[in-house]
Amino acid sequence: MRSLILLRGLPGAGKSTLAKTLSDNLKWPVFSVDDYFTDPVTGAYHFEFDKNHLAYKQCEQTTKQAMQNGVEKIFLDNTFTLEWEMEPYFKLAAQFNYTVHVITVEKRHSGKNIHNISNDQLQKMADKYKVQLL
């Protein structure tokens, strides 16, 4: 069975760490919008809001490519605070016959978000966050 696993949660919740663990230490690919803003050589992260739409497109394209290649398990590590952010992946999963699993990661540790997002902005994100249990 092919699986697409979406890890969602607020910045600093531990999505990237969990994705690495679940992917058997990156045996399976982990894609993120953050990849676009991360220097592949130094690992330095530099977010540019005006390029965010390009980052979403790149993440979608790399996911689609992995599905076209028949990768058995694919992990996506994004905030996915809004339903529309997950929709393209639901469509890709249907197109390529992947089962989708959505995992919400809660921040139950003292880790900090590496994106320098203020507590006020985190609260705004949390207020919009919806979980669909049924």
C-alpha atoms as a PDB file:
ATOM      1  CA  MET A   1       0.000   0.000   0.000  1.00  0.00           C
ATOM      2  CA  ARG A   2       1.318   3.424  -0.975  1.00  0.00           C
ATOM      3  CA  SER A   3       0.985   6.046   1.729  1.00  0.00           C
ATOM      4  CA  LEU A   4       1.096   9.824   1.860  1.00  0.00           C
ATOM      5  CA  ILE A   5       1.587  11.016   5.423  1.00  0.00           C
ATOM      6  CA  LEU A   6       0.845  14.671   6.141  1.00  0.00           C
ATOM      7  CA  LEU A   7       2.319  15.971   9.389  1.00  0.00           C
ATOM      8  CA  ARG A   8       0.619  19.181  10.408  1.00  0.00           C
ATOM      9  CA  GLY A   9       0.933  21.519  13.346  1.00  0.00           C
ATOM     10  CA  LEU A  10       2.168  24.918  14.411  1.00  0.00           C
ATOM     11  CA  PRO A  11       5.786  25.969  13.942  1.00  0.00           C
ATOM     12  CA  GLY A  12       7.918  24.472  16.691  1.00  0.00           C
ATOM     13  CA  ALA A  13       5.592  21.518  17.333  1.00  0.00           C
ATOM     14  CA  GLY A  14       8.207  18.987  16.203  1.00  0.00           C
ATOM     15  CA  LYS A  15       6.872  18.055  12.762  1.00  0.00           C
ATOM     16  CA  SER A  16      10.313  17.857  11.135  1.00  0.00           C
ATOM     17  CA  THR A  17      11.739  15.759  13.952  1.00  0.00           C
ATOM     18  CA  LEU A  18       8.787  13.372  13.860  1.00  0.00           C
ATOM     19  CA  ALA A  19       8.919  13.146  10.059  1.00  0.00           C
ATOM     20  CA  LYS A  20      12.579  12.155  10.232  1.00  0.00           C
ATOM     21  CA  THR A  21      11.774   9.502  12.836  1.00  0.00           C
ATOM     22  CA  LEU A  22       8.777   8.074  10.984  1.00  0.00           C
ATOM     23  CA  SER A  23      10.621   8.030   7.671  1.00  0.00           C
ATOM     24  CA  ASP A  24      13.198   5.651   9.158  1.00  0.00           C
ATOM     25  CA  ASN A  25      15.798   8.409   9.371  1.00  0.00           C
ATOM     26  CA  LEU A  26      14.951   9.668   5.857  1.00  0.00           C
ATOM     27  CA  LYS A  27      14.776   6.252   4.176  1.00  0.00           C
ATOM     28  CA  TRP A  28      11.519   7.619   2.743  1.00  0.00           C
ATOM     29  CA  PRO A  29      11.349  11.179   1.397  1.00  0.00           C
ATOM     30  CA  VAL A  30      10.219  14.063   3.551  1.00  0.00           C
ATOM     31  CA  PHE A  31       9.095  17.173   1.687  1.00  0.00           C
ATOM     32  CA  SER A  32       8.304  20.571   3.114  1.00  0.00           C
ATOM     33  CA  VAL A  33       7.539  24.096   1.990  1.00  0.00           C
ATOM     34  CA  ASP A  34      10.575  24.997   4.118  1.00  0.00           C
ATOM     35  CA  ASP A  35      12.819  23.138   1.645  1.00  0.00           C
ATOM     36  CA  TYR A  36      12.480  26.050  -0.756  1.00  0.00           C
ATOM     37  CA  PHE A  37      13.881  28.477   1.821  1.00  0.00           C
ATOM     38  CA  THR A  38      16.658  26.212   3.118  1.00  0.00           C
ATOM     39  CA  ASP A  39      20.132  26.397   1.622  1.00  0.00           C
ATOM     40  CA  PRO A  40      21.008  22.799   0.644  1.00  0.00           C
ATOM     41  CA  VAL A  41      24.707  23.322   1.416  1.00  0.00           C
ATOM     42  CA  THR A  42      24.655  25.249   4.691  1.00  0.00           C
ATOM     43  CA  GLY A  43      21.188  24.333   5.954  1.00  0.00           C
ATOM     44  CA  ALA A  44      20.522  28.027   6.642  1.00  0.00           C
ATOM     45  CA  TYR A  45      16.844  28.973   6.561  1.00  0.00           C
ATOM     46  CA  HIS A  46      15.753  32.296   5.061  1.00  0.00           C
ATOM     47  CA  PHE A  47      12.010  32.810   4.643  1.00  0.00           C
ATOM     48  CA  GLU A  48      10.734  35.302   2.052  1.00  0.00           C
ATOM     49  CA  PHE A  49       6.970  35.816   2.225  1.00  0.00           C
ATOM     50  CA  ASP A  50       6.697  37.019  -1.386  1.00  0.00           C
ATOM     51  CA  LYS A  51       8.105  33.662  -2.564  1.00  0.00           C
ATOM     52  CA  ASN A  52       5.845  31.499  -0.419  1.00  0.00           C
ATOM     53  CA  HIS A  53       3.618  30.598  -3.393  1.00  0.00           C
ATOM     54  CA  LEU A  54       6.718  29.254  -5.184  1.00  0.00           C
ATOM     55  CA  ALA A  55       7.595  27.150  -2.151  1.00  0.00           C
ATOM     56  CA  TYR A  56       4.100  25.612  -2.110  1.00  0.00           C
ATOM     57  CA  LYS A  57       4.366  24.852  -5.828  1.00  0.00           C
ATOM     58  CA  GLN A  58       7.789  23.234  -5.428  1.00  0.00           C
ATOM     59  CA  CYS A  59       6.592  21.042  -2.576  1.00  0.00           C
ATOM     60  CA  GLU A  60       3.611  19.954  -4.631  1.00  0.00           C
ATOM     61  CA  GLN A  61       5.811  19.192  -7.647  1.00  0.00           C
ATOM     62  CA  THR A  62       8.356  17.128  -5.677  1.00  0.00           C
ATOM     63  CA  THR A  63       5.501  15.166  -4.118  1.00  0.00           C
ATOM     64  CA  LYS A  64       3.955  14.520  -7.526  1.00  0.00           C
ATOM     65  CA  GLN A  65       7.316  13.381  -8.911  1.00  0.00           C
ATOM     66  CA  ALA A  66       7.779  10.937  -6.041  1.00  0.00           C
ATOM     67  CA  MET A  67       4.282   9.563  -6.663  1.00  0.00           C
ATOM     68  CA  GLN A  68       4.962   9.205 -10.389  1.00  0.00           C
ATOM     69  CA  ASN A  69       8.071   7.231  -9.419  1.00  0.00           C
ATOM     70  CA  GLY A  70       5.970   4.954  -7.221  1.00  0.00           C
ATOM     71  CA  VAL A  71       7.667   5.800  -3.919  1.00  0.00           C
ATOM     72  CA  GLU A  72       5.933   3.651  -1.296  1.00  0.00           C
ATOM     73  CA  LYS A  73       5.853   6.189   1.555  1.00  0.00           C
ATOM     74  CA  ILE A  74       5.993   9.962   1.248  1.00  0.00           C
ATOM     75  CA  PHE A  75       6.023  12.346   4.200  1.00  0.00           C
ATOM     76  CA  LEU A  76       4.994  16.000   4.089  1.00  0.00           C
ATOM     77  CA  ASP A  77       6.022  18.238   6.944  1.00  0.00           C
ATOM     78  CA  ASN A  78       4.071  21.527   6.711  1.00  0.00           C
ATOM     79  CA  THR A  79       1.914  23.572   9.031  1.00  0.00           C
ATOM     80  CA  PHE A  80      -1.254  22.762   7.033  1.00  0.00           C
ATOM     81  CA  THR A  81      -3.207  25.031   9.375  1.00  0.00           C
ATOM     82  CA  LEU A  82      -5.814  25.662   6.672  1.00  0.00           C
ATOM     83  CA  GLU A  83      -7.733  22.992   4.788  1.00  0.00           C
ATOM     84  CA  TRP A  84      -6.877  24.415   1.348  1.00  0.00           C
ATOM     85  CA  GLU A  85      -3.190  23.781   2.030  1.00  0.00           C
ATOM     86  CA  MET A  86      -3.858  20.013   2.105  1.00  0.00           C
ATOM     87  CA  GLU A  87      -6.269  19.857  -0.852  1.00  0.00           C
ATOM     88  CA  PRO A  88      -3.651  19.568  -3.632  1.00  0.00           C
ATOM     89  CA  TYR A  89      -2.136  16.569  -1.843  1.00  0.00           C
ATOM     90  CA  PHE A  90      -5.512  14.876  -1.428  1.00  0.00           C
ATOM     91  CA  LYS A  91      -6.007  15.261  -5.190  1.00  0.00           C
ATOM     92  CA  LEU A  92      -2.539  13.898  -5.981  1.00  0.00           C
ATOM     93  CA  ALA A  93      -3.127  10.951  -3.658  1.00  0.00           C
ATOM     94  CA  ALA A  94      -6.385  10.128  -5.452  1.00  0.00           C
ATOM     95  CA  GLN A  95      -4.720  10.480  -8.848  1.00  0.00           C
ATOM     96  CA  PHE A  96      -1.823   8.159  -7.978  1.00  0.00           C
ATOM     97  CA  ASN A  97      -3.735   5.802  -5.651  1.00  0.00           C
ATOM     98  CA  TYR A  98      -2.099   6.737  -2.337  1.00  0.00           C
ATOM     99  CA  THR A  99      -3.750   6.368   1.049  1.00  0.00           C
ATOM    100  CA  VAL A 100      -3.589   9.638   2.980  1.00  0.00           C
ATOM    101  CA  HIS A 101      -2.861   9.801   6.697  1.00  0.00           C
ATOM    102  CA  VAL A 102      -3.002  13.163   8.474  1.00  0.00           C
ATOM    103  CA  ILE A 103      -1.083  13.419  11.729  1.00  0.00           C
ATOM    104  CA  THR A 104      -1.491  16.493  13.920  1.00  0.00           C
ATOM    105  CA  VAL A 105       1.638  17.181  15.954  1.00  0.00           C
ATOM    106  CA  GLU A 106       1.117  18.955  19.260  1.00  0.00           C
ATOM    107  CA  LYS A 107       3.775  20.977  21.000  1.00  0.00           C
ATOM    108  CA  ARG A 108       4.170  19.207  24.322  1.00  0.00           C
ATOM    109  CA  HIS A 109       7.831  19.989  24.821  1.00  0.00           C
ATOM    110  CA  SER A 110       9.962  23.060  25.430  1.00  0.00           C
ATOM    111  CA  GLY A 111      11.289  23.306  21.855  1.00  0.00           C
ATOM    112  CA  LYS A 112      11.170  26.609  20.017  1.00  0.00           C
ATOM    113  CA  ASN A 113      10.141  27.352  16.472  1.00  0.00           C
ATOM    114  CA  ILE A 114      13.169  28.010  14.289  1.00  0.00           C
ATOM    115  CA  HIS A 115      11.244  30.459  12.110  1.00  0.00           C
ATOM    116  CA  ASN A 116      11.164  33.333  14.617  1.00  0.00           C
ATOM    117  CA  ILE A 117       7.383  33.481  14.533  1.00  0.00           C
ATOM    118  CA  SER A 118       5.991  35.593  17.342  1.00  0.00           C
ATOM    119  CA  ASN A 119       3.647  34.195  19.977  1.00  0.00           C
ATOM    120  CA  ASP A 120       0.929  36.534  18.668  1.00  0.00           C
ATOM    121  CA  GLN A 121       1.272  35.111  15.157  1.00  0.00           C
ATOM    122  CA  LEU A 122       1.329  31.538  16.521  1.00  0.00           C
ATOM    123  CA  GLN A 123      -1.909  32.281  18.367  1.00  0.00           C
ATOM    124  CA  LYS A 124      -3.513  33.580  15.149  1.00  0.00           C
ATOM    125  CA  MET A 125      -2.478  30.383  13.395  1.00  0.00           C
ATOM    126  CA  ALA A 126      -3.831  28.269  16.251  1.00  0.00           C
ATOM    127  CA  ASP A 127      -7.164  30.134  16.137  1.00  0.00           C
ATOM    128  CA  LYS A 128      -7.613  29.159  12.454  1.00  0.00           C
ATOM    129  CA  TYR A 129      -6.521  25.544  12.965  1.00  0.00           C
ATOM    130  CA  LYS A 130      -9.289  22.991  12.415  1.00  0.00           C
ATOM    131  CA  VAL A 131      -9.111  19.263  13.106  1.00  0.00           C
ATOM    132  CA  GLN A 132     -11.492  16.941  11.297  1.00  0.00           C
ATOM    133  CA  LEU A 133     -12.183  13.901  13.447  1.00  0.00           C
ATOM    134  CA  LEU A 134     -15.115  12.515  11.446  1.00  0.00           C
END
